[in-house]
Amino acid sequence: MLVDEGVNDFVLWYYTPMALAFSHALRPRAVVYDCMDELSAFSGAPPILVQRERELMRRADVMFTGGHHLYEAKREQHANVHPFPSSVDVPHFAQARMGPADPADQAHLPRPRIGFCGVIDERMDLALVEGVARARPDWQLVMVGPVVKISPDSLPRLPNIHYLGGKSYKELPAYLANWDVAMTPFARTPATRFLSPTKTPEYLAAGRPVVSTSIRDVVRPYGEQGLVRIADTPEAFVRAVEESLSQSREDWLPRVDAFLSRLSWDHTWSGMKHRIDEAVGARAGTEVTELVE
């Protein structure tokens, strides 16, 4: 397609090493490997993925990681790797603070509501979700998002767990606005070892207290700075939610906003573009040197 269109000036940006299978013959100005997760740890990952990633890292001029923990794991494997953890569109999610109307499919639910939005897949700690629901049948656990890669039959089914399905990005602030606490109940498995959930800053931008399991990139910095409560067992999770329900926001919310003021996707892109421009320049310089020699 690039050849047919006469495109000769381009950068290749890889999210998965498996794309090498159909792009190896292209001649870009630079190669970017945007490593968002340790894909080889996911269920059903092809055995050749590890070999392809090694090949991609040899070809890549610059490498990005989707979080600091992943950066720590990859920084010895590439000479030009930089961490870019999840950011947030603060104005979009801050709409939740303006009191939008409760969506019809959750408006009938009693309070308090403990909510999650995102993909419901193998990374979810379903036993934890069930344990919290059983421990506090007076709480409503609202699960917003599609069920992916796992059978719906594996989901805990209790009267106070509500699966509302996938919603559009535009709709999310209204759901978050009408929760009392937001949660990220991810299991601690190889598939979540390097997870940097986008949900964490999105919940905070919406002004929701957050309880999360001890995912490394949530513990640091959010847990360490007292912006998010961390809990891994149903008992500890229940206590953390109870504390969140009763917390004063007068001190907490200004600290949240101060932290979020340093986050934006525009800032993330600006940092990435700077590194890409450097990589393009370095490769051009190398090619000129080779021609002279």
C-alpha atoms as a PDB file:
ATOM      1  CA  MET A   1       0.000   0.000   0.000  1.00  0.00           C
ATOM      2  CA  LEU A   2       2.788   2.465   0.862  1.00  0.00           C
ATOM      3  CA  VAL A   3       4.592   1.587  -2.358  1.00  0.00           C
ATOM      4  CA  ASP A   4       1.394   1.919  -4.393  1.00  0.00           C
ATOM      5  CA  GLU A   5       0.756   5.377  -2.924  1.00  0.00           C
ATOM      6  CA  GLY A   6       4.339   6.510  -3.422  1.00  0.00           C
ATOM      7  CA  VAL A   7       4.907   7.086   0.306  1.00  0.00           C
ATOM      8  CA  ASN A   8       8.636   7.149   1.026  1.00  0.00           C
ATOM      9  CA  ASP A   9       8.900   9.461   4.028  1.00  0.00           C
ATOM     10  CA  PHE A  10       7.469   7.631   7.063  1.00  0.00           C
ATOM     11  CA  VAL A  11       8.166   6.215  10.513  1.00  0.00           C
ATOM     12  CA  LEU A  12       7.125   2.689  11.451  1.00  0.00           C
ATOM     13  CA  TRP A  13       5.380   2.525  14.831  1.00  0.00           C
ATOM     14  CA  TYR A  14       4.901  -0.965  16.280  1.00  0.00           C
ATOM     15  CA  TYR A  15       2.514  -1.875  19.073  1.00  0.00           C
ATOM     16  CA  THR A  16       3.119  -5.597  18.614  1.00  0.00           C
ATOM     17  CA  PRO A  17       6.202  -7.466  17.397  1.00  0.00           C
ATOM     18  CA  MET A  18       3.913  -9.762  15.405  1.00  0.00           C
ATOM     19  CA  ALA A  19       3.532  -6.971  12.817  1.00  0.00           C
ATOM     20  CA  LEU A  20       7.098  -7.679  11.674  1.00  0.00           C
ATOM     21  CA  ALA A  21       5.685 -10.553   9.634  1.00  0.00           C
ATOM     22  CA  PHE A  22       4.232  -8.193   7.017  1.00  0.00           C
ATOM     23  CA  SER A  23       6.372  -5.048   7.424  1.00  0.00           C
ATOM     24  CA  HIS A  24       9.974  -6.242   7.455  1.00  0.00           C
ATOM     25  CA  ALA A  25      10.642  -5.124   3.872  1.00  0.00           C
ATOM     26  CA  LEU A  26       9.669  -1.488   4.448  1.00  0.00           C
ATOM     27  CA  ARG A  27      12.379   1.176   4.687  1.00  0.00           C
ATOM     28  CA  PRO A  28      11.268   3.838   7.181  1.00  0.00           C
ATOM     29  CA  ARG A  29      13.061   6.934   8.438  1.00  0.00           C
ATOM     30  CA  ALA A  30      12.935   5.387  11.920  1.00  0.00           C
ATOM     31  CA  VAL A  31      11.386   2.455  13.793  1.00  0.00           C
ATOM     32  CA  VAL A  32       9.444   2.968  17.036  1.00  0.00           C
ATOM     33  CA  TYR A  33       8.517   0.101  19.347  1.00  0.00           C
ATOM     34  CA  ASP A  34       5.720   1.220  21.672  1.00  0.00           C
ATOM     35  CA  CYS A  35       5.734  -1.599  24.230  1.00  0.00           C
ATOM     36  CA  MET A  36       2.476  -1.165  26.126  1.00  0.00           C
ATOM     37  CA  ASP A  37       2.633  -4.439  28.060  1.00  0.00           C
ATOM     38  CA  GLU A  38       4.450  -7.750  28.381  1.00  0.00           C
ATOM     39  CA  LEU A  39       2.354  -9.378  25.669  1.00  0.00           C
ATOM     40  CA  SER A  40       4.069 -12.761  26.008  1.00  0.00           C
ATOM     41  CA  ALA A  41       2.498 -13.109  29.484  1.00  0.00           C
ATOM     42  CA  PHE A  42      -1.047 -12.981  28.110  1.00  0.00           C
ATOM     43  CA  SER A  43      -3.143 -16.089  27.697  1.00  0.00           C
ATOM     44  CA  GLY A  44      -2.932 -17.446  24.157  1.00  0.00           C
ATOM     45  CA  ALA A  45       0.178 -15.464  23.219  1.00  0.00           C
ATOM     46  CA  PRO A  46       1.915 -17.123  20.215  1.00  0.00           C
ATOM     47  CA  PRO A  47       5.178 -18.878  21.139  1.00  0.00           C
ATOM     48  CA  ILE A  48       7.067 -16.932  18.479  1.00  0.00           C
ATOM     49  CA  LEU A  49       6.221 -13.608  20.152  1.00  0.00           C
ATOM     50  CA  VAL A  50       9.365 -13.545  22.323  1.00  0.00           C
ATOM     51  CA  GLN A  51      11.614 -14.166  19.311  1.00  0.00           C
ATOM     52  CA  ARG A  52       9.809 -11.482  17.302  1.00  0.00           C
ATOM     53  CA  GLU A  53      10.201  -8.983  20.130  1.00  0.00           C
ATOM     54  CA  ARG A  54      13.952  -9.563  20.271  1.00  0.00           C
ATOM     55  CA  GLU A  55      14.090  -8.952  16.522  1.00  0.00           C
ATOM     56  CA  LEU A  56      11.999  -5.788  16.818  1.00  0.00           C
ATOM     57  CA  MET A  57      14.193  -4.411  19.591  1.00  0.00           C
ATOM     58  CA  ARG A  58      17.230  -4.925  17.371  1.00  0.00           C
ATOM     59  CA  ARG A  59      15.546  -2.926  14.593  1.00  0.00           C
ATOM     60  CA  ALA A  60      13.932  -0.215  16.722  1.00  0.00           C
ATOM     61  CA  ASP A  61      15.621   3.176  16.884  1.00  0.00           C
ATOM     62  CA  VAL A  62      13.629   4.162  19.945  1.00  0.00           C
ATOM     63  CA  MET A  63      11.460   2.208  22.365  1.00  0.00           C
ATOM     64  CA  PHE A  64       8.667   3.400  24.651  1.00  0.00           C
ATOM     65  CA  THR A  65       7.132   1.509  27.566  1.00  0.00           C
ATOM     66  CA  GLY A  66       3.595   1.900  28.885  1.00  0.00           C
ATOM     67  CA  GLY A  67       4.734   2.266  32.503  1.00  0.00           C
ATOM     68  CA  HIS A  68       7.681   2.629  34.850  1.00  0.00           C
ATOM     69  CA  HIS A  69       7.752  -0.990  35.990  1.00  0.00           C
ATOM     70  CA  LEU A  70       7.867  -2.186  32.392  1.00  0.00           C
ATOM     71  CA  TYR A  71      10.634   0.333  31.722  1.00  0.00           C
ATOM     72  CA  GLU A  72      12.668  -1.144  34.579  1.00  0.00           C
ATOM     73  CA  ALA A  73      12.294  -4.588  33.008  1.00  0.00           C
ATOM     74  CA  LYS A  74      13.226  -3.472  29.473  1.00  0.00           C
ATOM     75  CA  ARG A  75      15.857  -0.779  29.974  1.00  0.00           C
ATOM     76  CA  GLU A  76      18.753  -3.241  29.859  1.00  0.00           C
ATOM     77  CA  GLN A  77      17.448  -4.718  26.600  1.00  0.00           C
ATOM     78  CA  HIS A  78      17.522  -1.560  24.484  1.00  0.00           C
ATOM     79  CA  ALA A  79      19.861   1.424  24.387  1.00  0.00           C
ATOM     80  CA  ASN A  80      17.157   4.053  23.793  1.00  0.00           C
ATOM     81  CA  VAL A  81      14.085   3.222  25.886  1.00  0.00           C
ATOM     82  CA  HIS A  82      11.808   5.738  27.644  1.00  0.00           C
ATOM     83  CA  PRO A  83       8.792   5.280  29.978  1.00  0.00           C
ATOM     84  CA  PHE A  84       5.454   6.869  29.114  1.00  0.00           C
ATOM     85  CA  PRO A  85       2.876   5.702  31.673  1.00  0.00           C
ATOM     86  CA  SER A  86      -0.863   6.126  31.186  1.00  0.00           C
ATOM     87  CA  SER A  87      -2.085   9.693  30.994  1.00  0.00           C
ATOM     88  CA  VAL A  88      -5.569  11.192  30.985  1.00  0.00           C
ATOM     89  CA  ASP A  89      -7.851  13.663  29.238  1.00  0.00           C
ATOM     90  CA  VAL A  90      -8.616  15.624  32.417  1.00  0.00           C
ATOM     91  CA  PRO A  91     -11.286  17.967  30.973  1.00  0.00           C
ATOM     92  CA  HIS A  92     -13.237  15.024  29.561  1.00  0.00           C
ATOM     93  CA  PHE A  93     -13.430  13.058  32.812  1.00  0.00           C
ATOM     94  CA  ALA A  94     -13.777  16.180  34.955  1.00  0.00           C
ATOM     95  CA  GLN A  95     -17.253  16.506  33.431  1.00  0.00           C
ATOM     96  CA  ALA A  96     -18.227  13.960  36.074  1.00  0.00           C
ATOM     97  CA  ARG A  97     -17.764  16.647  38.727  1.00  0.00           C
ATOM     98  CA  MET A  98     -20.497  18.761  37.133  1.00  0.00           C
ATOM     99  CA  GLY A  99     -23.264  16.351  38.160  1.00  0.00           C
ATOM    100  CA  PRO A 100     -24.431  14.828  34.864  1.00  0.00           C
ATOM    101  CA  ALA A 101     -27.647  12.835  34.893  1.00  0.00           C
ATOM    102  CA  ASP A 102     -27.459   9.245  36.037  1.00  0.00           C
ATOM    103  CA  PRO A 103     -27.568   6.882  33.013  1.00  0.00           C
ATOM    104  CA  ALA A 104     -30.835   4.980  32.773  1.00  0.00           C
ATOM    105  CA  ASP A 105     -29.299   1.516  33.199  1.00  0.00           C
ATOM    106  CA  GLN A 106     -27.791   2.353  36.589  1.00  0.00           C
ATOM    107  CA  ALA A 107     -30.172   5.070  37.830  1.00  0.00           C
ATOM    108  CA  HIS A 108     -32.358   2.512  39.596  1.00  0.00           C
ATOM    109  CA  LEU A 109     -29.481   1.036  41.621  1.00  0.00           C
ATOM    110  CA  PRO A 110     -29.314   1.859  45.345  1.00  0.00           C
ATOM    111  CA  ARG A 111     -26.277   3.509  46.918  1.00  0.00           C
ATOM    112  CA  PRO A 112     -23.503   3.142  47.683  1.00  0.00           C
ATOM    113  CA  ARG A 113     -22.181   2.126  44.277  1.00  0.00           C
ATOM    114  CA  ILE A 114     -18.671   0.816  43.734  1.00  0.00           C
ATOM    115  CA  GLY A 115     -17.794   1.032  40.041  1.00  0.00           C
ATOM    116  CA  PHE A 116     -15.345  -0.297  37.489  1.00  0.00           C
ATOM    117  CA  CYS A 117     -15.070   0.681  33.832  1.00  0.00           C
ATOM    118  CA  GLY A 118     -12.843  -1.064  31.343  1.00  0.00           C
ATOM    119  CA  VAL A 119     -12.372  -4.395  29.644  1.00  0.00           C
ATOM    120  CA  ILE A 120     -13.445  -7.337  31.787  1.00  0.00           C
ATOM    121  CA  ASP A 121     -10.973 -10.063  30.886  1.00  0.00           C
ATOM    122  CA  GLU A 122      -8.405 -12.519  32.250  1.00  0.00           C
ATOM    123  CA  ARG A 123      -6.741  -9.747  34.250  1.00  0.00           C
ATOM    124  CA  MET A 124      -9.768  -9.213  36.495  1.00  0.00           C
ATOM    125  CA  ASP A 125      -9.700 -10.699  40.014  1.00  0.00           C
ATOM    126  CA  LEU A 126     -13.183 -12.177  39.841  1.00  0.00           C
ATOM    127  CA  ALA A 127     -12.802 -13.908  43.219  1.00  0.00           C
ATOM    128  CA  LEU A 128     -12.073 -10.537  44.797  1.00  0.00           C
ATOM    129  CA  VAL A 129     -15.111  -8.950  43.157  1.00  0.00           C
ATOM    130  CA  GLU A 130     -17.297 -11.792  44.373  1.00  0.00           C
ATOM    131  CA  GLY A 131     -15.795 -11.669  47.861  1.00  0.00           C
ATOM    132  CA  VAL A 132     -16.514  -7.960  48.222  1.00  0.00           C
ATOM    133  CA  ALA A 133     -20.065  -8.403  46.932  1.00  0.00           C
ATOM    134  CA  ARG A 134     -20.756 -11.219  49.374  1.00  0.00           C
ATOM    135  CA  ALA A 135     -19.227  -9.332  52.294  1.00  0.00           C
ATOM    136  CA  ARG A 136     -21.349  -6.247  51.640  1.00  0.00           C
ATOM    137  CA  PRO A 137     -24.644  -7.180  49.969  1.00  0.00           C
ATOM    138  CA  ASP A 138     -25.842  -3.615  50.629  1.00  0.00           C
ATOM    139  CA  TRP A 139     -23.231  -2.276  48.197  1.00  0.00           C
ATOM    140  CA  GLN A 140     -23.853  -2.277  44.450  1.00  0.00           C
ATOM    141  CA  LEU A 141     -20.868  -3.289  42.310  1.00  0.00           C
ATOM    142  CA  VAL A 142     -21.261  -1.705  38.883  1.00  0.00           C
ATOM    143  CA  MET A 143     -19.163  -3.261  36.096  1.00  0.00           C
ATOM    144  CA  VAL A 144     -19.059  -1.162  32.917  1.00  0.00           C
ATOM    145  CA  GLY A 145     -17.253  -2.683  29.942  1.00  0.00           C
ATOM    146  CA  PRO A 146     -17.191  -5.550  27.473  1.00  0.00           C
ATOM    147  CA  VAL A 147     -16.353  -9.115  28.485  1.00  0.00           C
ATOM    148  CA  VAL A 148     -13.347 -10.193  26.409  1.00  0.00           C
ATOM    149  CA  LYS A 149     -11.318 -13.420  26.152  1.00  0.00           C
ATOM    150  CA  ILE A 150     -13.191 -15.052  29.043  1.00  0.00           C
ATOM    151  CA  SER A 151     -16.552 -16.759  29.135  1.00  0.00           C
ATOM    152  CA  PRO A 152     -19.429 -14.713  30.552  1.00  0.00           C
ATOM    153  CA  ASP A 153     -20.300 -17.886  32.466  1.00  0.00           C
ATOM    154  CA  SER A 154     -17.139 -17.378  34.552  1.00  0.00           C
ATOM    155  CA  LEU A 155     -18.371 -14.069  35.965  1.00  0.00           C
ATOM    156  CA  PRO A 156     -19.700 -14.038  39.537  1.00  0.00           C
ATOM    157  CA  ARG A 157     -23.464 -13.636  39.517  1.00  0.00           C
ATOM    158  CA  LEU A 158     -24.924 -12.032  42.622  1.00  0.00           C
ATOM    159  CA  PRO A 159     -27.886  -9.671  43.049  1.00  0.00           C
ATOM    160  CA  ASN A 160     -25.579  -6.746  43.838  1.00  0.00           C
ATOM    161  CA  ILE A 161     -23.160  -7.199  40.904  1.00  0.00           C
ATOM    162  CA  HIS A 162     -24.349  -5.441  37.761  1.00  0.00           C
ATOM    163  CA  TYR A 163     -22.774  -5.939  34.326  1.00  0.00           C
ATOM    164  CA  LEU A 164     -23.806  -3.018  32.143  1.00  0.00           C
ATOM    165  CA  GLY A 165     -21.769  -3.848  29.038  1.00  0.00           C
ATOM    166  CA  GLY A 166     -19.554  -1.604  26.949  1.00  0.00           C
ATOM    167  CA  LYS A 167     -20.133   2.143  26.777  1.00  0.00           C
ATOM    168  CA  SER A 168     -18.747   4.851  24.545  1.00  0.00           C
ATOM    169  CA  TYR A 169     -15.945   7.110  25.701  1.00  0.00           C
ATOM    170  CA  LYS A 170     -18.397  10.017  25.644  1.00  0.00           C
ATOM    171  CA  GLU A 171     -20.727   8.253  28.082  1.00  0.00           C
ATOM    172  CA  LEU A 172     -18.166   7.339  30.748  1.00  0.00           C
ATOM    173  CA  PRO A 173     -18.160  10.587  32.804  1.00  0.00           C
ATOM    174  CA  ALA A 174     -21.880  10.230  33.506  1.00  0.00           C
ATOM    175  CA  TYR A 175     -21.381   6.717  34.874  1.00  0.00           C
ATOM    176  CA  LEU A 176     -18.405   7.705  37.026  1.00  0.00           C
ATOM    177  CA  ALA A 177     -20.223  10.774  38.348  1.00  0.00           C
ATOM    178  CA  ASN A 178     -22.864   8.601  39.931  1.00  0.00           C
ATOM    179  CA  TRP A 179     -20.560   6.158  41.720  1.00  0.00           C
ATOM    180  CA  ASP A 180     -19.445   6.600  45.303  1.00  0.00           C
ATOM    181  CA  VAL A 181     -16.105   4.827  44.894  1.00  0.00           C
ATOM    182  CA  ALA A 182     -14.242   3.566  41.824  1.00  0.00           C
ATOM    183  CA  MET A 183     -12.220   0.363  41.826  1.00  0.00           C
ATOM    184  CA  THR A 184      -9.517  -1.404  39.839  1.00  0.00           C
ATOM    185  CA  PRO A 185      -9.751  -5.022  41.027  1.00  0.00           C
ATOM    186  CA  PHE A 186      -7.009  -6.521  38.863  1.00  0.00           C
ATOM    187  CA  ALA A 187      -5.529  -9.886  39.740  1.00  0.00           C
ATOM    188  CA  ARG A 188      -1.820 -10.084  40.520  1.00  0.00           C
ATOM    189  CA  THR A 189      -0.661 -12.396  37.726  1.00  0.00           C
ATOM    190  CA  PRO A 190       2.009 -12.374  35.010  1.00  0.00           C
ATOM    191  CA  ALA A 191      -0.533 -10.654  32.734  1.00  0.00           C
ATOM    192  CA  THR A 192      -0.864  -7.700  35.135  1.00  0.00           C
ATOM    193  CA  ARG A 193       2.726  -7.473  36.363  1.00  0.00           C
ATOM    194  CA  PHE A 194       3.485  -4.512  34.090  1.00  0.00           C
ATOM    195  CA  LEU A 195      -0.006  -3.058  33.854  1.00  0.00           C
ATOM    196  CA  SER A 196      -0.352   0.741  33.992  1.00  0.00           C
ATOM    197  CA  PRO A 197      -4.128   1.196  34.143  1.00  0.00           C
ATOM    198  CA  THR A 198      -5.526   4.228  32.350  1.00  0.00           C
ATOM    199  CA  LYS A 199      -8.497   3.926  34.684  1.00  0.00           C
ATOM    200  CA  THR A 200      -6.577   5.251  37.687  1.00  0.00           C
ATOM    201  CA  PRO A 201      -6.060   8.850  36.490  1.00  0.00           C
ATOM    202  CA  GLU A 202      -9.463   8.815  34.752  1.00  0.00           C
ATOM    203  CA  TYR A 203     -11.235   7.952  38.013  1.00  0.00           C
ATOM    204  CA  LEU A 204      -9.276  10.640  39.832  1.00  0.00           C
ATOM    205  CA  ALA A 205     -10.029  13.251  37.175  1.00  0.00           C
ATOM    206  CA  ALA A 206     -13.706  12.410  37.710  1.00  0.00           C
ATOM    207  CA  GLY A 207     -13.250  13.151  41.413  1.00  0.00           C
ATOM    208  CA  ARG A 208     -13.914   9.582  42.521  1.00  0.00           C
ATOM    209  CA  PRO A 209     -12.068   7.967  45.450  1.00  0.00           C
ATOM    210  CA  VAL A 210     -10.228   4.885  44.179  1.00  0.00           C
ATOM    211  CA  VAL A 211      -9.441   1.483  45.652  1.00  0.00           C
ATOM    212  CA  SER A 212      -7.035  -0.709  43.692  1.00  0.00           C
ATOM    213  CA  THR A 213      -5.186  -3.949  44.071  1.00  0.00           C
ATOM    214  CA  SER A 214      -1.416  -3.635  44.411  1.00  0.00           C
ATOM    215  CA  ILE A 215      -0.544  -3.202  40.743  1.00  0.00           C
ATOM    216  CA  ARG A 216       3.002  -1.823  40.780  1.00  0.00           C
ATOM    217  CA  ASP A 217       2.315   1.254  38.643  1.00  0.00           C
ATOM    218  CA  VAL A 218      -0.699   2.102  40.802  1.00  0.00           C
ATOM    219  CA  VAL A 219       1.125   1.646  44.113  1.00  0.00           C
ATOM    220  CA  ARG A 220       3.842   3.926  42.756  1.00  0.00           C
ATOM    221  CA  PRO A 221       2.999   6.800  42.559  1.00  0.00           C
ATOM    222  CA  TYR A 222      -0.723   6.847  43.405  1.00  0.00           C
ATOM    223  CA  GLY A 223      -0.685   4.681  46.520  1.00  0.00           C
ATOM    224  CA  GLU A 224       2.556   6.107  47.876  1.00  0.00           C
ATOM    225  CA  GLN A 225       1.200   9.647  47.545  1.00  0.00           C
ATOM    226  CA  GLY A 226      -2.056   8.799  49.313  1.00  0.00           C
ATOM    227  CA  LEU A 227      -4.208   9.411  46.251  1.00  0.00           C
ATOM    228  CA  VAL A 228      -5.463   5.802  45.966  1.00  0.00           C
ATOM    229  CA  ARG A 229      -6.077   3.128  48.599  1.00  0.00           C
ATOM    230  CA  ILE A 230      -4.456  -0.272  48.003  1.00  0.00           C
ATOM    231  CA  ALA A 231      -5.990  -3.613  49.015  1.00  0.00           C
ATOM    232  CA  ASP A 232      -5.680  -7.189  47.766  1.00  0.00           C
ATOM    233  CA  THR A 233      -8.077  -9.330  49.823  1.00  0.00           C
ATOM    234  CA  PRO A 234     -11.857  -9.012  50.088  1.00  0.00           C
ATOM    235  CA  GLU A 235     -11.537  -8.033  53.757  1.00  0.00           C
ATOM    236  CA  ALA A 236      -8.924  -5.350  53.077  1.00  0.00           C
ATOM    237  CA  PHE A 237     -10.808  -4.135  50.013  1.00  0.00           C
ATOM    238  CA  VAL A 238     -14.005  -3.718  52.031  1.00  0.00           C
ATOM    239  CA  ARG A 239     -12.132  -1.711  54.689  1.00  0.00           C
ATOM    240  CA  ALA A 240     -10.538   0.486  52.019  1.00  0.00           C
ATOM    241  CA  VAL A 241     -13.915   1.165  50.391  1.00  0.00           C
ATOM    242  CA  GLU A 242     -15.434   1.994  53.787  1.00  0.00           C
ATOM    243  CA  GLU A 243     -12.617   4.476  54.425  1.00  0.00           C
ATOM    244  CA  SER A 244     -13.137   5.963  50.964  1.00  0.00           C
ATOM    245  CA  LEU A 245     -16.862   6.377  51.558  1.00  0.00           C
ATOM    246  CA  SER A 246     -16.258   8.356  54.726  1.00  0.00           C
ATOM    247  CA  GLN A 247     -13.186  10.353  53.675  1.00  0.00           C
ATOM    248  CA  SER A 248     -13.156  14.128  53.492  1.00  0.00           C
ATOM    249  CA  ARG A 249     -12.300  15.438  50.047  1.00  0.00           C
ATOM    250  CA  GLU A 250     -11.187  18.892  51.197  1.00  0.00           C
ATOM    251  CA  ASP A 251      -7.532  17.852  51.474  1.00  0.00           C
ATOM    252  CA  TRP A 252      -7.545  14.886  49.078  1.00  0.00           C
ATOM    253  CA  LEU A 253      -9.056  16.494  45.964  1.00  0.00           C
ATOM    254  CA  PRO A 254      -6.606  19.440  45.744  1.00  0.00           C
ATOM    255  CA  ARG A 255      -3.719  16.945  45.962  1.00  0.00           C
ATOM    256  CA  VAL A 256      -5.338  14.893  43.203  1.00  0.00           C
ATOM    257  CA  ASP A 257      -5.699  17.947  40.996  1.00  0.00           C
ATOM    258  CA  ALA A 258      -2.109  19.020  41.633  1.00  0.00           C
ATOM    259  CA  PHE A 259      -0.901  15.594  40.525  1.00  0.00           C
ATOM    260  CA  LEU A 260      -3.150  15.509  37.461  1.00  0.00           C
ATOM    261  CA  SER A 261      -1.989  18.965  36.399  1.00  0.00           C
ATOM    262  CA  ARG A 262       1.253  17.303  35.295  1.00  0.00           C
ATOM    263  CA  LEU A 263      -0.548  14.702  33.175  1.00  0.00           C
ATOM    264  CA  SER A 264      -2.023  15.038  29.706  1.00  0.00           C
ATOM    265  CA  TRP A 265      -1.914  13.102  26.452  1.00  0.00           C
ATOM    266  CA  ASP A 266      -0.590  16.254  24.783  1.00  0.00           C
ATOM    267  CA  HIS A 267       2.377  16.227  27.157  1.00  0.00           C
ATOM    268  CA  THR A 268       2.902  12.517  26.496  1.00  0.00           C
ATOM    269  CA  TRP A 269       2.839  13.023  22.732  1.00  0.00           C
ATOM    270  CA  SER A 270       5.207  15.975  22.956  1.00  0.00           C
ATOM    271  CA  GLY A 271       7.727  13.806  24.801  1.00  0.00           C
ATOM    272  CA  MET A 272       7.347  10.949  22.332  1.00  0.00           C
ATOM    273  CA  LYS A 273       7.680  13.219  19.300  1.00  0.00           C
ATOM    274  CA  HIS A 274      10.886  14.687  20.691  1.00  0.00           C
ATOM    275  CA  ARG A 275      12.392  11.207  21.036  1.00  0.00           C
ATOM    276  CA  ILE A 276      11.215  10.211  17.549  1.00  0.00           C
ATOM    277  CA  ASP A 277      12.707  13.347  15.996  1.00  0.00           C
ATOM    278  CA  GLU A 278      16.003  12.518  17.699  1.00  0.00           C
ATOM    279  CA  ALA A 279      15.846   8.959  16.321  1.00  0.00           C
ATOM    280  CA  VAL A 280      15.115  10.174  12.788  1.00  0.00           C
ATOM    281  CA  GLY A 281      18.020  12.593  12.989  1.00  0.00           C
ATOM    282  CA  ALA A 282      20.391   9.976  14.350  1.00  0.00           C
ATOM    283  CA  ARG A 283      19.513   7.479  11.622  1.00  0.00           C
ATOM    284  CA  ALA A 284      19.902  10.149   8.902  1.00  0.00           C
ATOM    285  CA  GLY A 285      23.280  11.062  10.300  1.00  0.00           C
ATOM    286  CA  THR A 286      24.387   7.438  10.318  1.00  0.00           C
ATOM    287  CA  GLU A 287      23.288   6.950   6.693  1.00  0.00           C
ATOM    288  CA  VAL A 288      25.198  10.066   5.577  1.00  0.00           C
ATOM    289  CA  THR A 289      28.317   8.835   7.346  1.00  0.00           C
ATOM    290  CA  GLU A 290      28.023   5.449   5.658  1.00  0.00           C
ATOM    291  CA  LEU A 291      27.693   7.103   2.228  1.00  0.00           C
ATOM    292  CA  VAL A 292      30.784   9.248   2.813  1.00  0.00           C
ATOM    293  CA  GLU A 293      32.808   6.277   3.931  1.00  0.00           C
END
